[in-house]
């Protein structure tokens, strides 16, 4: 069997660790005795990847194996699926939870890929497992075209209630400001106003990112200084970050507030990178946290359905919400890691931890907040268009009392379903990479709301 190999990575992550993991996988494949077609090189940019795709087409492999060494967006995955009429597999790799930066974020790349391929009705095999525990059977399953999908999600029984209808009435009055376009390759963040109107009446207005920058830069310096002083009452270490960048970052809070007040918006979906760093000069993450704390949820990466998800979950729970990535799942202890760069509401902080100021792990600019999530039962939810079908996806678990898994805001969750079931269902449903969480058990009321919206509700 000739395996066309494409090893994907990005230089904004830990290239040294990426190369180390990459070499181990190559060795495992060589020991498996398959013929590898390709350069066996870690491809760190799109140009090199496209060249390698062209070279592989000339060599006519039997199978395409994508090594998701670090996070990448799904644009290249989509290109690969178009270029090759061949079976595809994706191999992603865990990384240790050591409290430092998320050095690879490989799982999130797999998550984006599964959503994109699912939207295009492309089946694929996949593997996510510590390299030390990978067996020949695991590798064989990557190339098993007859492998049955192991999903066990269930559609929950619809129940239309007066409580559900009352909540839907509130939701129908909401307005969202989408600021900037979603990043390239993030099909997870696409939206369609006509599709939204199939289940609710939330309106979405589109605003240019430059408008946010302009409104922020108009902010009086005294207001910025006062806001920094206010933040310092809850956040330590503000003086340790670059002060010019800190002021730029805090000014975004005022820019968002002006836009909100002018148009009475209830939530934002913001293109949070790269221009906030490369053109403006400060992170929007702390402002996202502050707004979410004050019940104006913000979705990063211009994720409109993420903002809708947060509004629904916030209305149902009457509590703060956090839009998070799922960045690791460990079947050996039935846990996963919920993470984002530093934007969870401060009320979600572990009470034994003093939240602190930090910088974006890849862009090295402030202001972000850093703390582990407090322990307690949580409900997870997403309005999803996975596999091209609108639905409400629900899950649940308990945030454990653990040290920070990674920098930023993160929590270790023990799933109420097994982690293996959750992992399989997440991939097989083509779920987007963002889910919202809130504390407490809100499954029943969410199902009632979904029923009133005429949306199927599935539990993973």
Protein backbone atom coordinates (compact mmCIF):
# COMPACT_ATOMS: atom_id res chain seq x y z
CA UNK A 1 0.00 0.00 0.00
CA UNK A 2 1.33 3.43 -1.01
CA UNK A 3 0.48 6.11 1.54
CA UNK A 4 0.60 9.74 0.44
CA UNK A 5 1.81 11.62 3.51
CA UNK A 6 1.05 15.26 4.29
CA UNK A 7 2.38 16.51 7.64
CA UNK A 8 0.72 19.79 8.62
CA UNK A 9 1.99 22.37 11.09
CA UNK A 10 2.36 26.10 11.65
CA UNK A 11 5.41 28.05 12.79
CA UNK A 12 3.43 30.00 15.40
CA UNK A 13 3.42 26.83 17.52
CA UNK A 14 6.33 24.95 19.13
CA UNK A 15 8.20 23.76 16.05
CA UNK A 16 10.83 21.89 18.08
CA UNK A 17 8.18 19.77 19.81
CA UNK A 18 6.30 19.40 16.53
CA UNK A 19 9.38 18.00 14.81
CA UNK A 20 10.00 15.63 17.73
CA UNK A 21 6.45 14.22 17.52
CA UNK A 22 6.63 14.11 13.73
CA UNK A 23 9.76 11.97 13.74
CA UNK A 24 8.16 9.49 16.15
CA UNK A 25 5.12 9.10 13.89
CA UNK A 26 7.33 8.57 10.83
CA UNK A 27 9.18 5.84 12.71
CA UNK A 28 5.89 4.17 13.69
CA UNK A 29 4.76 4.24 10.06
CA UNK A 30 8.07 2.81 8.83
CA UNK A 31 7.81 -0.01 11.37
CA UNK A 32 4.31 -0.68 10.08
CA UNK A 33 5.90 -1.42 6.70
CA UNK A 34 3.78 0.78 4.47
CA UNK A 35 5.35 2.59 1.53
CA UNK A 36 5.37 6.31 2.31
CA UNK A 37 5.02 8.58 -0.70
CA UNK A 38 6.14 12.14 -0.10
CA UNK A 39 8.91 14.18 1.41
CA UNK A 40 8.32 13.22 5.08
CA UNK A 41 8.79 16.93 5.79
CA UNK A 42 6.80 18.94 8.32
CA UNK A 43 4.94 21.46 6.15
CA UNK A 44 4.78 24.76 8.00
CA UNK A 45 3.07 26.96 5.42
CA UNK A 46 0.38 26.69 2.79
CA UNK A 47 2.73 27.21 -0.17
CA UNK A 48 4.90 24.21 0.73
CA UNK A 49 1.78 22.13 1.34
CA UNK A 50 0.33 22.92 -2.07
CA UNK A 51 3.64 21.98 -3.72
CA UNK A 52 3.64 18.67 -1.84
CA UNK A 53 0.05 18.00 -2.89
CA UNK A 54 1.09 18.46 -6.51
CA UNK A 55 4.04 16.09 -6.07
CA UNK A 56 1.81 13.44 -4.49
CA UNK A 57 -0.66 13.58 -7.36
CA UNK A 58 2.16 12.65 -9.74
CA UNK A 59 3.00 9.58 -7.62
CA UNK A 60 -0.55 8.16 -7.47
CA UNK A 61 -0.84 6.94 -3.82
CA UNK A 62 -3.52 4.52 -2.63
CA UNK A 63 -4.36 6.48 0.48
CA UNK A 64 -3.88 10.01 1.89
CA UNK A 65 -2.70 10.27 5.48
CA UNK A 66 -2.73 13.75 7.04
CA UNK A 67 -0.56 14.18 10.13
CA UNK A 68 -2.15 17.02 12.12
CA UNK A 69 1.04 17.85 14.02
CA UNK A 70 -0.04 21.33 15.16
CA UNK A 71 -3.22 23.29 14.75
CA UNK A 72 -3.94 24.49 11.23
CA UNK A 73 -7.11 25.90 9.79
CA UNK A 74 -9.17 23.64 7.55
CA UNK A 75 -8.47 25.33 4.21
CA UNK A 76 -5.65 22.93 3.34
CA UNK A 77 -7.75 19.94 4.44
CA UNK A 78 -10.45 21.13 2.06
CA UNK A 79 -7.90 21.49 -0.77
CA UNK A 80 -6.63 17.96 -0.14
CA UNK A 81 -10.16 16.52 -0.23
CA UNK A 82 -10.77 18.20 -3.61
CA UNK A 83 -7.45 17.22 -5.18
CA UNK A 84 -7.59 13.52 -4.30
CA UNK A 85 -10.40 11.12 -5.00
CA UNK A 86 -8.89 8.79 -2.44
CA UNK A 87 -9.69 7.68 1.12
CA UNK A 88 -8.36 10.12 3.71
CA UNK A 89 -7.23 9.64 7.30
CA UNK A 90 -6.14 12.18 9.91
CA UNK A 91 -3.74 11.45 12.76
CA UNK A 92 -3.67 14.06 15.55
CA UNK A 93 -1.57 13.95 18.71
CA UNK A 94 -2.12 14.85 22.38
CA UNK A 95 0.33 16.99 24.31
CA UNK A 96 1.06 16.95 28.06
CA UNK A 97 -0.97 19.18 30.39
CA UNK A 98 1.91 20.98 32.06
CA UNK A 99 0.40 24.41 32.74
CA UNK A 100 2.44 26.11 30.02
CA UNK A 101 1.44 27.29 26.58
CA UNK A 102 -0.64 25.11 24.28
CA UNK A 103 2.36 24.07 22.22
CA UNK A 104 0.68 22.12 19.40
CA UNK A 105 -3.12 22.40 19.69
CA UNK A 106 -3.34 19.43 17.35
CA UNK A 107 -6.77 18.30 18.53
CA UNK A 108 -8.39 21.60 17.55
CA UNK A 109 -7.00 21.11 14.04
CA UNK A 110 -8.65 17.68 13.89
CA UNK A 111 -11.89 19.26 15.15
CA UNK A 112 -11.91 21.90 12.37
CA UNK A 113 -11.04 19.27 9.78
CA UNK A 114 -13.87 16.96 10.83
CA UNK A 115 -16.38 19.81 10.53
CA UNK A 116 -15.15 20.85 7.09
CA UNK A 117 -15.06 17.30 5.71
CA UNK A 118 -18.48 16.59 7.20
CA UNK A 119 -19.99 19.61 5.46
CA UNK A 120 -18.66 18.18 2.19
CA UNK A 121 -19.94 14.63 2.88
CA UNK A 122 -16.41 13.22 2.97
CA UNK A 123 -15.86 10.26 5.27
CA UNK A 124 -12.47 9.81 6.89
CA UNK A 125 -10.75 7.68 9.47
CA UNK A 126 -8.89 9.30 12.36
CA UNK A 127 -6.64 8.65 15.31
CA UNK A 128 -6.02 10.70 18.45
CA UNK A 129 -3.83 8.89 20.94
CA UNK A 130 -0.56 9.25 22.86
CA UNK A 131 2.22 8.05 20.55
CA UNK A 132 3.63 5.80 23.27
CA UNK A 133 0.37 3.82 23.25
CA UNK A 134 -0.21 3.57 19.49
CA UNK A 135 -0.38 -0.02 18.23
CA UNK A 136 -0.23 -1.57 14.78
CA UNK A 137 -3.98 -2.14 15.08
CA UNK A 138 -4.48 1.60 15.52
CA UNK A 139 -2.50 2.28 12.37
CA UNK A 140 -4.33 -0.47 10.49
CA UNK A 141 -7.63 1.17 11.38
CA UNK A 142 -6.44 4.39 9.76
CA UNK A 143 -6.35 2.52 6.45
CA UNK A 144 -9.44 0.37 6.96
CA UNK A 145 -11.97 1.56 4.40
CA UNK A 146 -14.67 -0.66 5.93
CA UNK A 147 -14.19 0.67 9.48
CA UNK A 148 -17.56 1.26 11.09
CA UNK A 149 -18.23 4.60 12.75
CA UNK A 150 -18.47 4.23 16.51
CA UNK A 151 -20.96 6.93 17.47
CA UNK A 152 -23.61 6.68 20.17
CA UNK A 153 -25.19 10.12 20.29
CA UNK A 154 -28.92 10.18 20.75
CA UNK A 155 -31.64 12.60 19.74
CA UNK A 156 -33.49 13.82 22.81
CA UNK A 157 -37.28 13.69 22.96
CA UNK A 158 -38.90 16.97 21.94
CA UNK A 159 -41.09 18.68 24.50
CA UNK A 160 -42.67 22.08 23.85
CA UNK A 161 -43.45 24.00 27.06
CA UNK A 162 -44.59 27.47 28.14
CA UNK A 163 -41.18 28.01 29.79
CA UNK A 164 -39.47 27.18 26.51
CA UNK A 165 -41.73 29.55 24.59
CA UNK A 166 -41.10 32.39 27.05
CA UNK A 167 -37.35 31.99 26.68
CA UNK A 168 -37.67 31.90 22.89
CA UNK A 169 -39.60 35.19 23.01
CA UNK A 170 -36.65 36.78 24.83
CA UNK A 171 -34.13 35.26 22.41
CA UNK A 172 -36.05 36.55 19.40
CA UNK A 173 -35.42 40.14 20.49
CA UNK A 174 -31.62 39.84 20.52
CA UNK A 175 -29.22 41.55 18.11
CA UNK A 176 -25.63 40.53 17.40
CA UNK A 177 -22.83 42.63 15.95
CA UNK A 178 -20.47 40.63 13.78
CA UNK A 179 -17.22 42.62 13.68
CA UNK A 180 -14.91 41.62 10.85
CA UNK A 181 -14.83 38.45 8.78
CA UNK A 182 -14.14 35.00 10.11
CA UNK A 183 -10.53 33.79 9.57
CA UNK A 184 -9.69 31.88 6.40
CA UNK A 185 -10.27 28.15 6.74
CA UNK A 186 -12.68 28.51 9.68
CA UNK A 187 -15.81 27.08 8.08
CA UNK A 188 -16.88 26.39 11.68
CA UNK A 189 -17.64 30.12 11.93
CA UNK A 190 -19.76 30.49 8.79
CA UNK A 191 -23.35 31.61 9.19
CA UNK A 192 -26.41 32.34 7.08
CA UNK A 193 -29.09 34.80 8.21
CA UNK A 194 -31.78 32.85 6.35
CA UNK A 195 -30.82 29.70 8.23
CA UNK A 196 -30.93 31.57 11.56
CA UNK A 197 -34.47 32.68 10.80
CA UNK A 198 -35.50 29.02 10.56
CA UNK A 199 -35.20 28.68 14.36
CA UNK A 200 -35.18 32.20 15.85
CA UNK A 201 -35.41 35.89 15.01
CA UNK A 202 -31.97 37.02 16.18
CA UNK A 203 -30.66 39.69 13.84
CA UNK A 204 -27.01 39.95 12.83
CA UNK A 205 -25.44 43.24 11.70
CA UNK A 206 -22.03 43.27 10.03
CA UNK A 207 -19.49 45.90 11.07
CA UNK A 208 -15.99 46.38 9.71
CA UNK A 209 -13.12 45.61 12.06
CA UNK A 210 -11.64 49.02 11.29
CA UNK A 211 -14.69 50.63 12.90
CA UNK A 212 -13.84 48.92 16.21
CA UNK A 213 -10.24 50.09 15.95
CA UNK A 214 -11.31 53.65 15.15
CA UNK A 215 -13.80 53.84 18.03
CA UNK A 216 -11.23 52.36 20.42
CA UNK A 217 -8.47 54.78 19.42
CA UNK A 218 -10.78 57.71 20.15
CA UNK A 219 -10.92 56.76 23.83
CA UNK A 220 -9.72 59.36 26.34
CA UNK A 221 -6.48 58.32 28.06
CA UNK A 222 -7.89 59.11 31.50
CA UNK A 223 -10.74 56.64 30.94
CA UNK A 224 -8.21 53.98 29.97
CA UNK A 225 -6.09 54.61 33.08
CA UNK A 226 -9.19 54.45 35.29
CA UNK A 227 -10.24 51.17 33.67
CA UNK A 228 -6.79 49.66 34.22
CA UNK A 229 -7.01 50.69 37.87
CA UNK A 230 -10.43 49.05 38.13
CA UNK A 231 -9.19 45.83 36.50
CA UNK A 232 -6.21 45.71 38.87
CA UNK A 233 -8.59 45.15 41.80
CA UNK A 234 -9.29 41.64 40.48
CA UNK A 235 -6.31 40.89 38.23
CA UNK A 236 -2.68 40.72 39.39
CA UNK A 237 0.42 41.43 37.32
CA UNK A 238 -0.84 44.27 35.12
CA UNK A 239 2.44 46.14 35.56
CA UNK A 240 4.41 43.17 34.20
CA UNK A 241 3.00 43.46 30.67
CA UNK A 242 3.90 46.01 27.99
CA UNK A 243 2.10 49.17 29.13
CA UNK A 244 1.52 50.68 25.68
CA UNK A 245 -0.02 47.45 24.44
CA UNK A 246 -2.02 47.16 27.67
CA UNK A 247 -3.61 50.57 27.06
CA UNK A 248 -4.41 49.66 23.46
CA UNK A 249 -6.01 46.44 24.64
CA UNK A 250 -8.11 48.13 27.34
CA UNK A 251 -9.23 50.78 24.84
CA UNK A 252 -10.98 48.01 22.88
CA UNK A 253 -13.36 47.66 25.82
CA UNK A 254 -14.51 51.23 25.23
CA UNK A 255 -14.71 50.76 21.47
CA UNK A 256 -16.98 47.75 21.92
CA UNK A 257 -19.06 49.61 24.46
CA UNK A 258 -19.65 52.53 22.07
CA UNK A 259 -20.78 50.16 19.32
CA UNK A 260 -23.01 48.29 21.78
CA UNK A 261 -24.66 51.45 23.12
CA UNK A 262 -25.16 53.00 19.69
CA UNK A 263 -27.08 50.01 18.35
CA UNK A 264 -28.28 48.16 21.49
CA UNK A 265 -26.44 44.94 20.70
CA UNK A 266 -26.78 41.95 23.00
CA UNK A 267 -23.70 40.02 21.86
CA UNK A 268 -20.65 40.26 19.62
CA UNK A 269 -18.91 37.92 17.17
CA UNK A 270 -15.44 39.40 16.71
CA UNK A 271 -12.56 38.69 14.36
CA UNK A 272 -10.05 38.60 17.21
CA UNK A 273 -6.88 37.83 15.22
CA UNK A 274 -4.54 38.53 13.54
CA UNK A 275 -5.33 42.22 12.86
CA UNK A 276 -5.92 43.11 16.51
CA UNK A 277 -2.24 42.27 16.97
CA UNK A 278 -0.68 43.10 13.60
CA UNK A 279 -2.59 46.30 12.76
CA UNK A 280 -4.06 47.57 16.01
CA UNK A 281 -1.52 46.47 18.63
CA UNK A 282 -3.42 44.81 21.47
CA UNK A 283 -5.54 41.76 22.29
CA UNK A 284 -9.32 41.89 22.60
CA UNK A 285 -9.44 38.84 24.90
CA UNK A 286 -9.69 40.71 28.22
CA UNK A 287 -12.53 42.83 26.86
CA UNK A 288 -14.32 39.62 25.81
CA UNK A 289 -14.01 38.39 29.41
CA UNK A 290 -15.29 41.66 30.86
CA UNK A 291 -18.25 41.83 28.50
CA UNK A 292 -19.16 38.19 29.12
CA UNK A 293 -19.02 38.86 32.87
CA UNK A 294 -21.58 41.62 32.33
CA UNK A 295 -23.91 39.36 30.30
CA UNK A 296 -22.92 40.60 26.84
CA UNK A 297 -21.29 37.45 25.50
CA UNK A 298 -18.61 37.67 22.83
CA UNK A 299 -17.59 34.97 20.37
CA UNK A 300 -14.09 35.08 18.98
CA UNK A 301 -13.14 34.35 15.34
CA UNK A 302 -16.39 36.07 14.23
CA UNK A 303 -18.32 32.93 15.19
CA UNK A 304 -21.95 34.06 14.85
CA UNK A 305 -23.45 30.69 15.80
CA UNK A 306 -21.11 30.76 18.79
CA UNK A 307 -22.62 34.10 19.85
CA UNK A 308 -26.15 32.74 19.32
CA UNK A 309 -25.21 29.68 21.38
CA UNK A 310 -23.99 31.88 24.22
CA UNK A 311 -27.13 34.03 24.20
CA UNK A 312 -29.37 30.96 24.39
CA UNK A 313 -27.33 29.30 27.13
CA UNK A 314 -27.08 32.55 29.11
CA UNK A 315 -30.85 33.12 28.89
CA UNK A 316 -31.62 29.56 29.96
CA UNK A 317 -29.11 29.48 32.82
CA UNK A 318 -29.43 33.15 33.89
CA UNK A 319 -25.69 32.98 34.41
CA UNK A 320 -22.37 33.83 32.74
CA UNK A 321 -21.21 31.76 29.78
CA UNK A 322 -17.83 30.94 28.26
CA UNK A 323 -17.20 29.98 24.62
CA UNK A 324 -14.39 27.47 24.69
CA UNK A 325 -12.27 25.20 22.54
CA UNK A 326 -11.92 21.53 23.46
CA UNK A 327 -8.17 21.01 23.16
CA UNK A 328 -7.51 17.60 24.67
CA UNK A 329 -9.32 14.41 25.59
CA UNK A 330 -7.70 11.70 27.69
CA UNK A 331 -9.55 8.40 27.71
CA UNK A 332 -7.31 6.95 30.42
CA UNK A 333 -8.79 9.24 33.09
CA UNK A 334 -12.06 10.17 31.33
CA UNK A 335 -11.25 13.88 31.15
CA UNK A 336 -10.90 16.65 28.62
CA UNK A 337 -9.56 20.19 28.65
CA UNK A 338 -11.71 23.22 27.94
CA UNK A 339 -9.53 26.16 26.98
CA UNK A 340 -9.34 29.55 25.44
CA UNK A 341 -6.50 32.00 25.31
CA UNK A 342 -7.67 34.11 28.25
CA UNK A 343 -11.26 35.27 28.00
CA UNK A 344 -13.45 33.35 30.46
CA UNK A 345 -15.59 35.47 32.79
CA UNK A 346 -13.70 36.17 36.00
CA UNK A 347 -16.58 34.74 38.06
CA UNK A 348 -15.57 31.32 36.68
CA UNK A 349 -12.14 31.53 38.32
CA UNK A 350 -11.15 28.95 40.94
CA UNK A 351 -11.64 30.88 44.22
CA UNK A 352 -8.27 29.63 45.53
CA UNK A 353 -6.45 31.22 42.57
CA UNK A 354 -5.70 34.91 42.05
CA UNK A 355 -6.37 35.65 38.37
CA UNK A 356 -3.44 37.30 36.64
CA UNK A 357 -2.63 39.31 33.56
CA UNK A 358 -0.88 37.56 30.71
CA UNK A 359 -0.11 37.81 27.00
CA UNK A 360 -1.37 35.84 24.02
CA UNK A 361 0.71 32.66 23.79
CA UNK A 362 1.45 33.00 20.07
CA UNK A 363 1.26 36.78 19.51
CA UNK A 364 2.90 37.81 22.83
CA UNK A 365 0.65 40.84 23.42
CA UNK A 366 -1.68 41.67 26.35
CA UNK A 367 -4.27 41.77 27.75
CA UNK A 368 -5.52 38.31 28.58
CA UNK A 369 -6.63 36.83 31.90
CA UNK A 370 -5.15 33.63 33.25
CA UNK A 371 -6.77 31.25 35.74
CA UNK A 372 -8.12 27.71 36.13
CA UNK A 373 -11.90 27.28 36.09
CA UNK A 374 -13.66 26.65 39.40
CA UNK A 375 -14.94 23.17 40.12
CA UNK A 376 -18.57 22.30 39.62
CA UNK A 377 -21.12 20.78 37.26
CA UNK A 378 -21.35 22.41 33.83
CA UNK A 379 -23.63 22.22 30.83
CA UNK A 380 -22.08 22.43 27.36
CA UNK A 381 -24.05 23.45 24.28
CA UNK A 382 -23.67 24.45 20.64
CA UNK A 383 -26.08 25.46 17.91
CA UNK A 384 -24.40 23.42 15.20
CA UNK A 385 -24.57 23.08 11.44
CA UNK A 386 -22.39 19.96 11.53
CA UNK A 387 -22.94 17.62 8.57
CA UNK A 388 -25.03 20.40 7.03
CA UNK A 389 -27.97 20.00 9.44
CA UNK A 390 -28.99 22.57 12.06
CA UNK A 391 -29.26 21.13 15.55
CA UNK A 392 -28.64 21.83 19.22
CA UNK A 393 -25.79 19.73 20.60
CA UNK A 394 -25.73 19.24 24.39
CA UNK A 395 -23.23 17.63 26.74
CA UNK A 396 -22.31 17.89 30.39
CA UNK A 397 -19.66 17.13 32.94
CA UNK A 398 -17.92 18.34 36.07
CA UNK A 399 -14.99 20.76 36.16
CA UNK A 400 -12.43 19.22 38.50
CA UNK A 401 -10.26 20.95 41.07
CA UNK A 402 -7.04 20.83 39.05
CA UNK A 403 -4.03 23.01 38.34
CA UNK A 404 -4.14 24.89 35.04
CA UNK A 405 -3.68 22.50 32.14
CA UNK A 406 -2.45 25.26 29.83
CA UNK A 407 -1.91 29.01 29.97
CA UNK A 408 -4.92 31.27 29.52
CA UNK A 409 -8.26 30.19 30.95
CA UNK A 410 -8.78 26.45 31.10
CA UNK A 411 -10.52 23.73 33.04
CA UNK A 412 -10.23 19.97 33.25
CA UNK A 413 -13.66 18.39 32.76
CA UNK A 414 -14.79 14.89 33.68
CA UNK A 415 -17.52 14.05 31.18
CA UNK A 416 -20.81 12.59 32.38
CA UNK A 417 -20.62 10.37 29.31
CA UNK A 418 -17.30 8.59 28.97
CA UNK A 419 -14.59 10.66 27.31
CA UNK A 420 -14.28 8.02 24.59
CA UNK A 421 -17.97 8.35 23.74
CA UNK A 422 -17.74 12.14 23.79
CA UNK A 423 -14.66 12.12 21.54
CA UNK A 424 -16.21 9.78 18.98
CA UNK A 425 -19.47 11.71 18.92
CA UNK A 426 -17.74 15.08 18.59
CA UNK A 427 -15.87 13.93 15.49
CA UNK A 428 -18.68 11.89 13.95
CA UNK A 429 -21.25 14.71 14.29
CA UNK A 430 -18.86 17.15 12.59
CA UNK A 431 -19.22 19.49 15.56
CA UNK A 432 -17.66 22.95 15.39
CA UNK A 433 -14.59 23.72 17.53
CA UNK A 434 -16.43 26.11 19.88
CA UNK A 435 -18.89 25.05 22.59
CA UNK A 436 -20.36 27.30 25.27
CA UNK A 437 -20.39 26.28 28.92
CA UNK A 438 -22.20 27.51 31.99
CA UNK A 439 -22.38 26.16 35.51
CA UNK A 440 -25.31 23.99 36.56
CA UNK A 441 -27.50 21.36 34.87
CA UNK A 442 -29.68 22.97 32.22
CA UNK A 443 -30.25 20.08 29.82
CA UNK A 444 -34.01 19.75 30.25
CA UNK A 445 -34.76 23.44 29.69
CA UNK A 446 -32.40 23.54 26.70
CA UNK A 447 -34.33 20.66 25.14
CA UNK A 448 -37.56 22.56 25.71
CA UNK A 449 -36.11 25.63 24.00
CA UNK A 450 -34.78 23.53 21.10
CA UNK A 451 -38.25 22.01 20.69
CA UNK A 452 -39.81 25.48 20.52
CA UNK A 453 -37.22 26.39 17.88
CA UNK A 454 -38.08 23.21 15.97
CA UNK A 455 -34.44 22.14 16.26
CA UNK A 456 -33.42 18.56 16.96
CA UNK A 457 -31.46 18.28 20.21
CA UNK A 458 -28.78 15.62 20.44
CA UNK A 459 -26.70 14.65 23.44
CA UNK A 460 -23.08 13.66 22.97
